[in-house]
Amino acid sequence: MLKFAAGIFALLLAGACCADENPPLLLRHPTISATQIVFVYAGDLWSVPRSGGTAQRLTAGTGRASLPVFSPDGSEIAFTGDYDGNADVYVIPATGGTPRRLTYHPMPDEVMGWTRDGKSVLFASSREAYSHYPELFTVSRDGGFPTKLPLPIAAEGSYSPDGKEIAYVPLAHAFGSGIAAGAHRRCGLRDWRIRVGRLCRETIRTTSTRCG
């Protein structure tokens, strides 16, 4: 019996010695600028040169960072931060530093991107919805009151290169995370189509619909 136990111990020890010294890591939500790649690992933002190298930690604290997006000029990163028990929009320099909070509503705000001029951050929130449906808003990179885009419902969005159109998805996948998936599960909605809307002053006119 002792010999059997010793044999099992030897096998376990050999397995531990032969284990991969560099196991794969769960790196999420990558965003790319001309010189950097920023990603999320263990609830914080990390940056590594596009040419390769050692990743540097950009955020630290008791909260959780997610959904980073570089500004068009690559100087700042907008991200969703949960530091005070609620998900809000934050901006941090691309080189790291103290994050600046841009939104303060008790409903969660999830960063989607930037306006093409780099002056505002695009985010999704159900802050003004009567039944927790997600809608799109912009908020100045300097802070202030958000502005709602004239869409009845939108979970994700991205501006065209000229900023005159926006591609958006009414609802996210049912088994995803965030406010859109929550509304999907509650209401049983099924609309994952990508729609394109043309920005016309105070309205958005849908010009085409494509299946995703």
N, C-alpha and C. Protein backbone atom coordinates (compact mmCIF):
# COMPACT_ATOMS: atom_id res chain seq x y z
N MET A 1 0.83 -1.20 0.00
CA MET A 1 0.00 0.00 0.00
C MET A 1 0.87 1.26 0.00
N LEU A 2 1.94 1.21 0.82
CA LEU A 2 2.84 2.35 0.87
C LEU A 2 3.54 2.56 -0.47
N LYS A 3 3.90 1.45 -1.13
CA LYS A 3 4.55 1.57 -2.42
C LYS A 3 3.59 2.18 -3.45
N PHE A 4 2.31 1.78 -3.39
CA PHE A 4 1.31 2.32 -4.32
C PHE A 4 1.15 3.83 -4.10
N ALA A 5 1.04 4.22 -2.81
CA ALA A 5 0.89 5.64 -2.50
C ALA A 5 2.12 6.42 -2.96
N ALA A 6 3.30 5.85 -2.78
CA ALA A 6 4.53 6.52 -3.20
C ALA A 6 4.57 6.68 -4.71
N GLY A 7 4.06 5.65 -5.42
CA GLY A 7 4.02 5.74 -6.87
C GLY A 7 3.09 6.84 -7.34
N ILE A 8 1.90 6.95 -6.71
CA ILE A 8 0.94 8.02 -7.07
C ILE A 8 1.56 9.38 -6.81
N PHE A 9 2.23 9.54 -5.67
CA PHE A 9 2.86 10.82 -5.34
C PHE A 9 3.93 11.18 -6.36
N ALA A 10 4.70 10.19 -6.80
CA ALA A 10 5.74 10.44 -7.79
C ALA A 10 5.14 10.92 -9.11
N LEU A 11 4.02 10.30 -9.51
CA LEU A 11 3.37 10.72 -10.76
C LEU A 11 2.84 12.14 -10.66
N LEU A 12 2.22 12.48 -9.52
CA LEU A 12 1.71 13.84 -9.34
C LEU A 12 2.84 14.86 -9.36
N LEU A 13 3.95 14.52 -8.72
CA LEU A 13 5.09 15.42 -8.69
C LEU A 13 5.66 15.62 -10.08
N ALA A 14 5.74 14.53 -10.85
CA ALA A 14 6.25 14.65 -12.21
C ALA A 14 5.33 15.51 -13.07
N GLY A 15 4.02 15.35 -12.87
CA GLY A 15 3.08 16.16 -13.62
C GLY A 15 3.20 17.63 -13.29
N ALA A 16 3.41 17.92 -12.02
CA ALA A 16 3.56 19.32 -11.61
C ALA A 16 4.82 19.92 -12.20
N CYS A 17 5.88 19.14 -12.25
CA CYS A 17 7.15 19.64 -12.79
C CYS A 17 7.07 19.87 -14.29
N CYS A 18 6.25 19.08 -14.96
CA CYS A 18 6.15 19.19 -16.41
C CYS A 18 5.04 20.14 -16.86
N ALA A 19 4.32 20.72 -15.90
CA ALA A 19 3.23 21.63 -16.26
C ALA A 19 3.77 22.85 -16.98
N ASP A 20 2.93 23.43 -17.81
CA ASP A 20 3.32 24.60 -18.58
C ASP A 20 3.64 25.75 -17.63
N GLU A 21 4.84 26.31 -17.75
CA GLU A 21 5.22 27.42 -16.91
C GLU A 21 4.54 28.73 -17.33
N ASN A 22 4.01 28.78 -18.54
CA ASN A 22 3.32 29.96 -19.05
C ASN A 22 1.93 29.57 -19.54
N PRO A 23 1.01 29.30 -18.62
CA PRO A 23 -0.34 28.89 -19.05
C PRO A 23 -1.06 30.03 -19.76
N PRO A 24 -2.04 29.72 -20.62
CA PRO A 24 -2.77 30.78 -21.32
C PRO A 24 -3.54 31.66 -20.35
N LEU A 25 -3.65 32.93 -20.67
CA LEU A 25 -4.35 33.90 -19.83
C LEU A 25 -5.64 34.34 -20.51
N LEU A 26 -6.63 34.70 -19.71
CA LEU A 26 -7.90 35.17 -20.24
C LEU A 26 -7.80 36.68 -20.45
N LEU A 27 -7.38 37.08 -21.64
CA LEU A 27 -7.24 38.48 -22.01
C LEU A 27 -8.45 38.87 -22.85
N ARG A 28 -9.16 39.95 -22.45
CA ARG A 28 -10.44 40.27 -23.07
C ARG A 28 -10.48 41.72 -23.55
N HIS A 29 -11.45 41.99 -24.41
CA HIS A 29 -11.80 43.33 -24.87
C HIS A 29 -10.60 44.12 -25.42
N PRO A 30 -9.87 43.59 -26.41
CA PRO A 30 -8.72 44.34 -26.94
C PRO A 30 -9.16 45.57 -27.74
N THR A 31 -8.39 46.63 -27.65
CA THR A 31 -8.56 47.83 -28.48
C THR A 31 -7.19 48.25 -28.96
N ILE A 32 -7.11 48.77 -30.18
CA ILE A 32 -5.82 49.01 -30.82
C ILE A 32 -5.71 50.46 -31.27
N SER A 33 -4.54 51.05 -31.02
CA SER A 33 -4.20 52.36 -31.57
C SER A 33 -3.05 52.19 -32.55
N ALA A 34 -2.47 53.27 -32.99
CA ALA A 34 -1.36 53.18 -33.94
C ALA A 34 -0.13 52.54 -33.31
N THR A 35 0.00 52.63 -31.99
CA THR A 35 1.21 52.14 -31.33
C THR A 35 0.95 51.14 -30.21
N GLN A 36 -0.29 51.06 -29.69
CA GLN A 36 -0.55 50.26 -28.51
C GLN A 36 -1.69 49.27 -28.71
N ILE A 37 -1.68 48.23 -27.91
CA ILE A 37 -2.82 47.33 -27.73
C ILE A 37 -3.17 47.36 -26.26
N VAL A 38 -4.41 47.68 -25.96
CA VAL A 38 -4.89 47.68 -24.57
C VAL A 38 -5.94 46.59 -24.43
N PHE A 39 -5.90 45.87 -23.33
CA PHE A 39 -6.82 44.77 -23.09
C PHE A 39 -7.17 44.71 -21.61
N VAL A 40 -8.14 43.87 -21.28
CA VAL A 40 -8.58 43.69 -19.91
C VAL A 40 -8.07 42.35 -19.40
N TYR A 41 -7.46 42.39 -18.22
CA TYR A 41 -7.04 41.16 -17.56
C TYR A 41 -7.25 41.33 -16.06
N ALA A 42 -7.96 40.38 -15.45
CA ALA A 42 -8.19 40.38 -14.01
C ALA A 42 -8.84 41.68 -13.53
N GLY A 43 -9.72 42.24 -14.37
CA GLY A 43 -10.47 43.42 -13.96
C GLY A 43 -9.74 44.74 -14.11
N ASP A 44 -8.57 44.75 -14.74
CA ASP A 44 -7.82 45.98 -14.96
C ASP A 44 -7.41 46.12 -16.42
N LEU A 45 -7.04 47.34 -16.80
CA LEU A 45 -6.55 47.61 -18.15
C LEU A 45 -5.04 47.44 -18.20
N TRP A 46 -4.57 46.80 -19.27
CA TRP A 46 -3.14 46.58 -19.49
C TRP A 46 -2.80 47.04 -20.90
N SER A 47 -1.57 47.51 -21.08
CA SER A 47 -1.13 48.02 -22.37
C SER A 47 0.17 47.35 -22.78
N VAL A 48 0.28 47.05 -24.07
CA VAL A 48 1.50 46.47 -24.62
C VAL A 48 1.75 47.09 -25.99
N PRO A 49 3.01 47.36 -26.36
CA PRO A 49 3.28 47.91 -27.69
C PRO A 49 2.82 46.95 -28.79
N ARG A 50 2.40 47.51 -29.91
CA ARG A 50 1.98 46.66 -31.03
C ARG A 50 3.13 45.82 -31.55
N SER A 51 4.35 46.27 -31.33
CA SER A 51 5.52 45.51 -31.76
C SER A 51 5.88 44.38 -30.81
N GLY A 52 5.16 44.31 -29.67
CA GLY A 52 5.43 43.27 -28.69
C GLY A 52 6.20 43.81 -27.50
N GLY A 53 6.25 43.04 -26.45
CA GLY A 53 6.97 43.47 -25.26
C GLY A 53 6.23 43.07 -23.99
N THR A 54 6.56 43.72 -22.91
CA THR A 54 5.96 43.43 -21.61
C THR A 54 4.76 44.34 -21.39
N ALA A 55 3.65 43.75 -20.98
CA ALA A 55 2.43 44.53 -20.73
C ALA A 55 2.57 45.34 -19.45
N GLN A 56 2.06 46.58 -19.51
CA GLN A 56 2.08 47.47 -18.37
C GLN A 56 0.65 47.70 -17.88
N ARG A 57 0.47 47.67 -16.58
CA ARG A 57 -0.84 47.87 -15.99
C ARG A 57 -1.20 49.36 -15.98
N LEU A 58 -2.41 49.68 -16.48
CA LEU A 58 -2.84 51.07 -16.56
C LEU A 58 -3.76 51.47 -15.42
N THR A 59 -4.55 50.54 -14.90
CA THR A 59 -5.48 50.84 -13.82
C THR A 59 -5.21 49.92 -12.64
N ALA A 60 -5.62 50.38 -11.48
CA ALA A 60 -5.48 49.58 -10.26
C ALA A 60 -6.51 50.09 -9.25
N GLY A 61 -6.93 49.23 -8.37
CA GLY A 61 -7.91 49.64 -7.37
C GLY A 61 -8.85 48.51 -7.04
N THR A 62 -9.87 48.83 -6.27
CA THR A 62 -10.81 47.81 -5.81
C THR A 62 -11.93 47.54 -6.80
N GLY A 63 -12.04 48.35 -7.85
CA GLY A 63 -13.12 48.18 -8.82
C GLY A 63 -12.73 47.30 -9.98
N ARG A 64 -13.55 47.35 -11.02
CA ARG A 64 -13.34 46.51 -12.19
C ARG A 64 -13.49 47.35 -13.46
N ALA A 65 -12.54 47.22 -14.37
CA ALA A 65 -12.56 47.94 -15.64
C ALA A 65 -12.90 46.98 -16.77
N SER A 66 -13.63 47.47 -17.79
CA SER A 66 -13.98 46.65 -18.94
C SER A 66 -14.25 47.55 -20.14
N LEU A 67 -14.37 46.94 -21.31
CA LEU A 67 -14.78 47.60 -22.56
C LEU A 67 -13.94 48.83 -22.90
N PRO A 68 -12.62 48.74 -22.93
CA PRO A 68 -11.80 49.90 -23.29
C PRO A 68 -11.89 50.21 -24.79
N VAL A 69 -11.82 51.49 -25.14
CA VAL A 69 -11.81 51.92 -26.54
C VAL A 69 -10.90 53.14 -26.66
N PHE A 70 -9.93 53.08 -27.56
CA PHE A 70 -9.05 54.21 -27.81
C PHE A 70 -9.83 55.36 -28.45
N SER A 71 -9.45 56.59 -28.09
CA SER A 71 -9.96 57.76 -28.80
C SER A 71 -9.37 57.77 -30.21
N PRO A 72 -10.00 58.48 -31.16
CA PRO A 72 -9.49 58.47 -32.54
C PRO A 72 -8.03 58.86 -32.67
N ASP A 73 -7.54 59.78 -31.82
CA ASP A 73 -6.14 60.18 -31.91
C ASP A 73 -5.22 59.31 -31.06
N GLY A 74 -5.79 58.34 -30.34
CA GLY A 74 -4.99 57.42 -29.55
C GLY A 74 -4.44 57.98 -28.25
N SER A 75 -4.87 59.18 -27.86
CA SER A 75 -4.31 59.81 -26.67
C SER A 75 -5.01 59.39 -25.39
N GLU A 76 -6.27 58.93 -25.50
CA GLU A 76 -7.04 58.56 -24.32
C GLU A 76 -7.76 57.24 -24.55
N ILE A 77 -8.21 56.66 -23.45
CA ILE A 77 -8.97 55.41 -23.50
C ILE A 77 -10.24 55.60 -22.69
N ALA A 78 -11.37 55.40 -23.32
CA ALA A 78 -12.64 55.37 -22.59
C ALA A 78 -12.92 53.93 -22.19
N PHE A 79 -13.48 53.75 -21.01
CA PHE A 79 -13.79 52.39 -20.55
C PHE A 79 -14.93 52.44 -19.55
N THR A 80 -15.53 51.28 -19.32
CA THR A 80 -16.56 51.14 -18.30
C THR A 80 -15.89 50.75 -17.00
N GLY A 81 -16.09 51.56 -15.97
CA GLY A 81 -15.48 51.28 -14.68
C GLY A 81 -16.54 51.08 -13.61
N ASP A 82 -16.35 50.05 -12.82
CA ASP A 82 -17.25 49.78 -11.69
C ASP A 82 -16.43 49.94 -10.41
N TYR A 83 -16.36 51.18 -9.94
CA TYR A 83 -15.54 51.48 -8.78
C TYR A 83 -16.36 51.85 -7.54
N ASP A 84 -17.61 52.23 -7.74
CA ASP A 84 -18.45 52.66 -6.62
C ASP A 84 -19.75 51.86 -6.56
N GLY A 85 -19.69 50.62 -6.99
CA GLY A 85 -20.89 49.80 -6.98
C GLY A 85 -21.80 50.02 -8.17
N ASN A 86 -21.31 50.74 -9.19
CA ASN A 86 -22.13 51.00 -10.36
C ASN A 86 -21.21 51.18 -11.57
N ALA A 87 -21.66 50.74 -12.74
CA ALA A 87 -20.87 50.85 -13.96
C ALA A 87 -21.07 52.22 -14.59
N ASP A 88 -19.98 52.97 -14.77
CA ASP A 88 -20.03 54.31 -15.35
C ASP A 88 -18.93 54.47 -16.39
N VAL A 89 -19.00 55.59 -17.11
CA VAL A 89 -18.03 55.88 -18.16
C VAL A 89 -16.84 56.62 -17.56
N TYR A 90 -15.65 56.13 -17.86
CA TYR A 90 -14.41 56.76 -17.40
C TYR A 90 -13.49 56.98 -18.60
N VAL A 91 -12.56 57.92 -18.44
CA VAL A 91 -11.52 58.18 -19.44
C VAL A 91 -10.18 58.23 -18.73
N ILE A 92 -9.17 57.63 -19.35
CA ILE A 92 -7.83 57.61 -18.78
C ILE A 92 -6.83 57.90 -19.88
N PRO A 93 -5.72 58.60 -19.60
CA PRO A 93 -4.69 58.78 -20.63
C PRO A 93 -4.15 57.44 -21.12
N ALA A 94 -3.77 57.38 -22.38
CA ALA A 94 -3.27 56.12 -22.95
C ALA A 94 -2.00 55.65 -22.27
N THR A 95 -1.29 56.56 -21.60
CA THR A 95 -0.07 56.18 -20.89
C THR A 95 -0.33 55.79 -19.45
N GLY A 96 -1.60 55.85 -19.02
CA GLY A 96 -1.94 55.53 -17.65
C GLY A 96 -2.14 56.79 -16.82
N GLY A 97 -2.64 56.63 -15.62
CA GLY A 97 -2.89 57.77 -14.75
C GLY A 97 -4.17 57.58 -13.98
N THR A 98 -4.71 58.68 -13.48
CA THR A 98 -5.94 58.63 -12.70
C THR A 98 -7.15 58.71 -13.62
N PRO A 99 -8.06 57.74 -13.59
CA PRO A 99 -9.26 57.79 -14.45
C PRO A 99 -10.15 58.98 -14.07
N ARG A 100 -10.78 59.58 -15.08
CA ARG A 100 -11.76 60.65 -14.87
C ARG A 100 -13.16 60.09 -15.12
N ARG A 101 -14.03 60.26 -14.18
CA ARG A 101 -15.39 59.76 -14.29
C ARG A 101 -16.24 60.77 -15.07
N LEU A 102 -16.99 60.28 -16.07
CA LEU A 102 -17.81 61.15 -16.90
C LEU A 102 -19.30 61.03 -16.64
N THR A 103 -19.77 59.88 -16.14
CA THR A 103 -21.20 59.70 -15.88
C THR A 103 -21.41 59.31 -14.42
N TYR A 104 -22.61 59.65 -13.92
CA TYR A 104 -22.89 59.43 -12.50
C TYR A 104 -24.30 58.88 -12.27
N HIS A 105 -24.94 58.37 -13.29
CA HIS A 105 -26.31 57.87 -13.13
C HIS A 105 -26.30 56.51 -12.43
N PRO A 106 -27.31 56.21 -11.60
CA PRO A 106 -27.33 54.90 -10.91
C PRO A 106 -27.53 53.71 -11.83
N MET A 107 -28.06 53.92 -13.04
CA MET A 107 -28.15 52.82 -14.00
C MET A 107 -26.79 52.60 -14.66
N PRO A 108 -26.45 51.37 -15.03
CA PRO A 108 -25.14 51.11 -15.63
C PRO A 108 -24.99 51.75 -17.01
N ASP A 109 -23.80 52.30 -17.25
CA ASP A 109 -23.44 52.90 -18.54
C ASP A 109 -22.29 52.10 -19.13
N GLU A 110 -22.44 51.62 -20.37
CA GLU A 110 -21.44 50.76 -20.99
C GLU A 110 -20.85 51.43 -22.23
N VAL A 111 -19.55 51.61 -22.23
CA VAL A 111 -18.85 52.30 -23.31
C VAL A 111 -18.94 51.50 -24.61
N MET A 112 -19.28 52.21 -25.70
CA MET A 112 -19.35 51.61 -27.03
C MET A 112 -18.24 52.13 -27.95
N GLY A 113 -17.82 53.39 -27.76
CA GLY A 113 -16.82 53.96 -28.65
C GLY A 113 -16.73 55.47 -28.48
N TRP A 114 -16.30 56.13 -29.55
CA TRP A 114 -16.12 57.58 -29.56
C TRP A 114 -16.81 58.17 -30.80
N THR A 115 -17.17 59.44 -30.71
CA THR A 115 -17.56 60.16 -31.92
C THR A 115 -16.29 60.35 -32.75
N ARG A 116 -16.46 60.52 -34.07
CA ARG A 116 -15.29 60.54 -34.94
C ARG A 116 -14.37 61.74 -34.70
N ASP A 117 -14.90 62.82 -34.16
CA ASP A 117 -14.05 63.97 -33.86
C ASP A 117 -13.31 63.82 -32.54
N GLY A 118 -13.61 62.74 -31.80
CA GLY A 118 -12.92 62.49 -30.55
C GLY A 118 -13.33 63.38 -29.40
N LYS A 119 -14.42 64.13 -29.57
CA LYS A 119 -14.85 65.05 -28.52
C LYS A 119 -15.79 64.41 -27.51
N SER A 120 -16.42 63.28 -27.88
CA SER A 120 -17.41 62.67 -26.99
C SER A 120 -17.27 61.16 -27.01
N VAL A 121 -17.74 60.53 -25.93
CA VAL A 121 -17.75 59.07 -25.79
C VAL A 121 -19.16 58.57 -26.03
N LEU A 122 -19.29 57.52 -26.82
CA LEU A 122 -20.58 56.88 -27.09
C LEU A 122 -20.78 55.74 -26.09
N PHE A 123 -21.96 55.70 -25.45
CA PHE A 123 -22.22 54.62 -24.49
C PHE A 123 -23.68 54.22 -24.52
N ALA A 124 -23.95 53.01 -24.03
CA ALA A 124 -25.31 52.46 -23.96
C ALA A 124 -25.78 52.47 -22.52
N SER A 125 -27.06 52.80 -22.33
CA SER A 125 -27.62 52.85 -20.99
C SER A 125 -29.13 52.77 -21.07
N SER A 126 -29.74 52.29 -20.02
CA SER A 126 -31.20 52.28 -19.92
C SER A 126 -31.68 53.34 -18.93
N ARG A 127 -30.90 54.38 -18.73
CA ARG A 127 -31.17 55.41 -17.74
C ARG A 127 -32.48 56.16 -17.99
N GLU A 128 -32.91 56.26 -19.26
CA GLU A 128 -34.14 56.99 -19.57
C GLU A 128 -35.23 56.09 -20.13
N ALA A 129 -35.00 54.79 -20.15
CA ALA A 129 -35.97 53.86 -20.73
C ALA A 129 -37.04 53.50 -19.71
N TYR A 130 -38.28 53.35 -20.18
CA TYR A 130 -39.37 53.03 -19.27
C TYR A 130 -39.35 51.57 -18.82
N SER A 131 -38.65 50.70 -19.58
CA SER A 131 -38.65 49.28 -19.24
C SER A 131 -37.26 48.67 -19.40
N HIS A 132 -36.23 49.42 -19.03
CA HIS A 132 -34.85 48.94 -19.04
C HIS A 132 -34.33 48.61 -20.44
N TYR A 133 -34.94 49.16 -21.49
CA TYR A 133 -34.39 48.97 -22.82
C TYR A 133 -33.12 49.81 -22.97
N PRO A 134 -32.11 49.29 -23.65
CA PRO A 134 -30.88 50.08 -23.83
C PRO A 134 -31.08 51.16 -24.90
N GLU A 135 -30.43 52.28 -24.69
CA GLU A 135 -30.40 53.38 -25.65
C GLU A 135 -28.98 53.91 -25.73
N LEU A 136 -28.68 54.66 -26.79
CA LEU A 136 -27.34 55.19 -26.99
C LEU A 136 -27.28 56.66 -26.59
N PHE A 137 -26.16 57.03 -25.96
CA PHE A 137 -25.92 58.39 -25.52
C PHE A 137 -24.48 58.78 -25.88
N THR A 138 -24.23 60.08 -25.88
CA THR A 138 -22.86 60.59 -25.95
C THR A 138 -22.64 61.52 -24.77
N VAL A 139 -21.40 61.56 -24.29
CA VAL A 139 -21.02 62.48 -23.23
C VAL A 139 -19.66 63.06 -23.59
N SER A 140 -19.49 64.35 -23.35
CA SER A 140 -18.24 65.02 -23.68
C SER A 140 -17.07 64.40 -22.93
N ARG A 141 -15.93 64.36 -23.58
CA ARG A 141 -14.73 63.85 -22.92
C ARG A 141 -14.32 64.72 -21.73
N ASP A 142 -14.86 65.94 -21.67
CA ASP A 142 -14.59 66.83 -20.55
C ASP A 142 -15.66 66.73 -19.46
N GLY A 143 -16.67 65.89 -19.66
CA GLY A 143 -17.74 65.74 -18.69
C GLY A 143 -18.95 66.59 -19.05
N GLY A 144 -19.99 66.52 -18.24
CA GLY A 144 -21.21 67.27 -18.51
C GLY A 144 -22.40 66.33 -18.64
N PHE A 145 -23.54 66.88 -19.06
CA PHE A 145 -24.74 66.09 -19.20
C PHE A 145 -24.71 65.29 -20.51
N PRO A 146 -25.04 64.00 -20.47
CA PRO A 146 -25.09 63.19 -21.69
C PRO A 146 -26.21 63.63 -22.62
N THR A 147 -26.05 63.32 -23.90
CA THR A 147 -27.06 63.59 -24.93
C THR A 147 -27.52 62.27 -25.52
N LYS A 148 -28.83 62.05 -25.53
CA LYS A 148 -29.37 60.79 -26.07
C LYS A 148 -29.49 60.87 -27.58
N LEU A 149 -29.08 59.81 -28.27
CA LEU A 149 -29.29 59.72 -29.70
C LEU A 149 -30.76 59.39 -29.97
N PRO A 150 -31.34 59.95 -31.02
CA PRO A 150 -32.77 59.73 -31.30
C PRO A 150 -33.07 58.36 -31.89
N LEU A 151 -32.80 57.32 -31.09
CA LEU A 151 -33.12 55.94 -31.46
C LEU A 151 -34.04 55.36 -30.39
N PRO A 152 -35.06 54.61 -30.75
CA PRO A 152 -35.96 54.06 -29.74
C PRO A 152 -35.31 52.98 -28.88
N ILE A 153 -34.37 52.24 -29.45
CA ILE A 153 -33.70 51.17 -28.71
C ILE A 153 -32.41 50.81 -29.45
N ALA A 154 -31.33 50.65 -28.70
CA ALA A 154 -30.04 50.31 -29.32
C ALA A 154 -29.10 49.81 -28.23
N ALA A 155 -28.52 48.65 -28.46
CA ALA A 155 -27.61 48.05 -27.48
C ALA A 155 -26.15 48.30 -27.81
N GLU A 156 -25.84 48.44 -29.10
CA GLU A 156 -24.47 48.67 -29.53
C GLU A 156 -24.51 49.66 -30.69
N GLY A 157 -23.41 50.37 -30.90
CA GLY A 157 -23.37 51.30 -32.01
C GLY A 157 -21.95 51.69 -32.37
N SER A 158 -21.78 52.10 -33.63
CA SER A 158 -20.47 52.54 -34.10
C SER A 158 -20.68 53.52 -35.25
N TYR A 159 -19.97 54.65 -35.19
CA TYR A 159 -20.11 55.68 -36.22
C TYR A 159 -19.36 55.29 -37.49
N SER A 160 -19.86 55.78 -38.61
CA SER A 160 -19.16 55.62 -39.88
C SER A 160 -17.92 56.50 -39.87
N PRO A 161 -16.95 56.27 -40.76
CA PRO A 161 -15.72 57.07 -40.76
C PRO A 161 -15.96 58.57 -40.89
N ASP A 162 -17.01 58.98 -41.62
CA ASP A 162 -17.28 60.41 -41.76
C ASP A 162 -18.21 60.94 -40.67
N GLY A 163 -18.69 60.06 -39.78
CA GLY A 163 -19.53 60.48 -38.69
C GLY A 163 -20.96 60.82 -39.06
N LYS A 164 -21.35 60.57 -40.31
CA LYS A 164 -22.69 60.94 -40.76
C LYS A 164 -23.70 59.80 -40.59
N GLU A 165 -23.21 58.60 -40.37
CA GLU A 165 -24.09 57.45 -40.17
C GLU A 165 -23.64 56.68 -38.94
N ILE A 166 -24.55 55.87 -38.41
CA ILE A 166 -24.22 55.02 -37.27
C ILE A 166 -24.82 53.64 -37.50
N ALA A 167 -24.00 52.61 -37.34
CA ALA A 167 -24.49 51.24 -37.38
C ALA A 167 -24.83 50.84 -35.95
N TYR A 168 -25.99 50.24 -35.76
CA TYR A 168 -26.40 49.89 -34.40
C TYR A 168 -27.16 48.58 -34.39
N VAL A 169 -27.15 47.93 -33.23
CA VAL A 169 -27.87 46.68 -33.02
C VAL A 169 -28.93 46.94 -31.95
N PRO A 170 -30.20 46.68 -32.24
CA PRO A 170 -31.24 46.97 -31.25
C PRO A 170 -31.04 46.24 -29.93
N LEU A 171 -30.71 44.95 -29.97
CA LEU A 171 -30.51 44.17 -28.75
C LEU A 171 -29.32 43.25 -28.91
N ALA A 172 -28.62 43.03 -27.81
CA ALA A 172 -27.48 42.13 -27.83
C ALA A 172 -27.94 40.69 -27.71
N HIS A 173 -26.98 39.76 -27.77
CA HIS A 173 -27.28 38.34 -27.67
C HIS A 173 -27.90 38.02 -26.32
N ALA A 174 -28.83 37.08 -26.31
CA ALA A 174 -29.56 36.74 -25.09
C ALA A 174 -28.65 36.24 -23.98
N PHE A 175 -27.56 35.57 -24.36
CA PHE A 175 -26.70 34.98 -23.35
C PHE A 175 -25.45 35.79 -23.10
N GLY A 176 -25.47 37.05 -23.55
CA GLY A 176 -24.37 37.94 -23.27
C GLY A 176 -24.49 38.54 -21.89
N SER A 177 -23.79 39.64 -21.68
CA SER A 177 -23.84 40.32 -20.39
C SER A 177 -24.24 41.77 -20.60
N GLY A 178 -24.59 42.44 -19.53
CA GLY A 178 -24.89 43.85 -19.62
C GLY A 178 -26.38 44.13 -19.71
N ILE A 179 -26.69 45.41 -19.88
CA ILE A 179 -28.07 45.86 -19.82
C ILE A 179 -28.89 45.32 -20.98
N ALA A 180 -28.29 45.23 -22.17
CA ALA A 180 -29.05 44.78 -23.33
C ALA A 180 -29.47 43.32 -23.20
N ALA A 181 -28.53 42.49 -22.76
CA ALA A 181 -28.85 41.08 -22.57
C ALA A 181 -29.90 40.91 -21.48
N GLY A 182 -29.83 41.75 -20.44
CA GLY A 182 -30.82 41.67 -19.38
C GLY A 182 -32.22 41.97 -19.89
N ALA A 183 -32.36 43.00 -20.72
CA ALA A 183 -33.65 43.33 -21.30
C ALA A 183 -34.13 42.21 -22.21
N HIS A 184 -33.20 41.61 -22.95
CA HIS A 184 -33.53 40.51 -23.85
C HIS A 184 -34.12 39.35 -23.07
N ARG A 185 -33.46 38.98 -21.96
CA ARG A 185 -33.94 37.84 -21.18
C ARG A 185 -35.29 38.13 -20.53
N ARG A 186 -35.49 39.35 -20.07
CA ARG A 186 -36.75 39.69 -19.40
C ARG A 186 -37.92 39.71 -20.38
N CYS A 187 -37.68 40.25 -21.57
CA CYS A 187 -38.78 40.49 -22.50
C CYS A 187 -38.87 39.46 -23.61
N GLY A 188 -37.89 38.57 -23.73
CA GLY A 188 -37.93 37.56 -24.77
C GLY A 188 -37.77 38.12 -26.17
N LEU A 189 -37.08 39.25 -26.29
CA LEU A 189 -36.93 39.88 -27.60
C LEU A 189 -35.84 39.20 -28.41
N ARG A 190 -36.01 39.22 -29.73
CA ARG A 190 -35.04 38.58 -30.62
C ARG A 190 -34.80 39.49 -31.83
N ASP A 191 -33.85 40.37 -31.72
CA ASP A 191 -33.51 41.26 -32.82
C ASP A 191 -32.02 41.54 -32.77
N TRP A 192 -31.24 40.77 -33.54
CA TRP A 192 -29.79 40.94 -33.55
C TRP A 192 -29.33 41.54 -34.87
N ARG A 193 -30.26 42.12 -35.63
CA ARG A 193 -29.89 42.70 -36.92
C ARG A 193 -29.05 43.96 -36.75
N ILE A 194 -28.16 44.17 -37.70
CA ILE A 194 -27.37 45.40 -37.73
C ILE A 194 -28.11 46.40 -38.61
N ARG A 195 -28.40 47.57 -38.07
CA ARG A 195 -29.11 48.60 -38.81
C ARG A 195 -28.20 49.79 -39.01
N VAL A 196 -28.41 50.50 -40.08
CA VAL A 196 -27.61 51.68 -40.38
C VAL A 196 -28.53 52.89 -40.42
N GLY A 197 -28.24 53.89 -39.62
CA GLY A 197 -29.05 55.09 -39.58
C GLY A 197 -28.24 56.30 -40.00
N ARG A 198 -28.87 57.22 -40.74
CA ARG A 198 -28.22 58.46 -41.15
C ARG A 198 -28.58 59.56 -40.16
N LEU A 199 -27.56 60.25 -39.68
CA LEU A 199 -27.77 61.30 -38.69
C LEU A 199 -28.29 62.55 -39.38
N CYS A 200 -29.49 62.97 -38.99
CA CYS A 200 -30.14 64.12 -39.60
C CYS A 200 -30.56 65.08 -38.49
N ARG A 201 -29.69 65.97 -38.10
CA ARG A 201 -29.96 66.95 -37.07
C ARG A 201 -30.50 66.29 -35.80
N GLU A 202 -31.80 66.35 -35.56
CA GLU A 202 -32.36 65.84 -34.31
C GLU A 202 -32.99 64.46 -34.46
N THR A 203 -32.84 63.82 -35.60
CA THR A 203 -33.41 62.50 -35.81
C THR A 203 -32.37 61.61 -36.47
N ILE A 204 -32.64 60.30 -36.43
CA ILE A 204 -31.83 59.33 -37.16
C ILE A 204 -32.76 58.55 -38.06
N ARG A 205 -32.52 58.63 -39.34
CA ARG A 205 -33.35 57.94 -40.32
C ARG A 205 -32.67 56.65 -40.73
N THR A 206 -33.35 55.51 -40.47
CA THR A 206 -32.79 54.22 -40.83
C THR A 206 -32.81 54.05 -42.34
N THR A 207 -31.65 53.81 -42.94
CA THR A 207 -31.55 53.71 -44.39
C THR A 207 -31.43 52.29 -44.90
N SER A 208 -31.02 51.35 -44.04
CA SER A 208 -30.89 49.97 -44.51
C SER A 208 -30.88 49.04 -43.32
N THR A 209 -31.18 47.79 -43.58
CA THR A 209 -31.16 46.76 -42.53
C THR A 209 -30.48 45.52 -43.09
N ARG A 210 -29.53 45.00 -42.34
CA ARG A 210 -28.82 43.80 -42.76
C ARG A 210 -28.88 42.79 -41.63
N CYS A 211 -28.96 41.54 -41.96
CA CYS A 211 -28.98 40.49 -40.94
C CYS A 211 -27.55 40.23 -40.48
N GLY A 212 -27.36 40.12 -39.17
CA GLY A 212 -26.03 39.86 -38.62
C GLY A 212 -25.78 38.38 -38.54
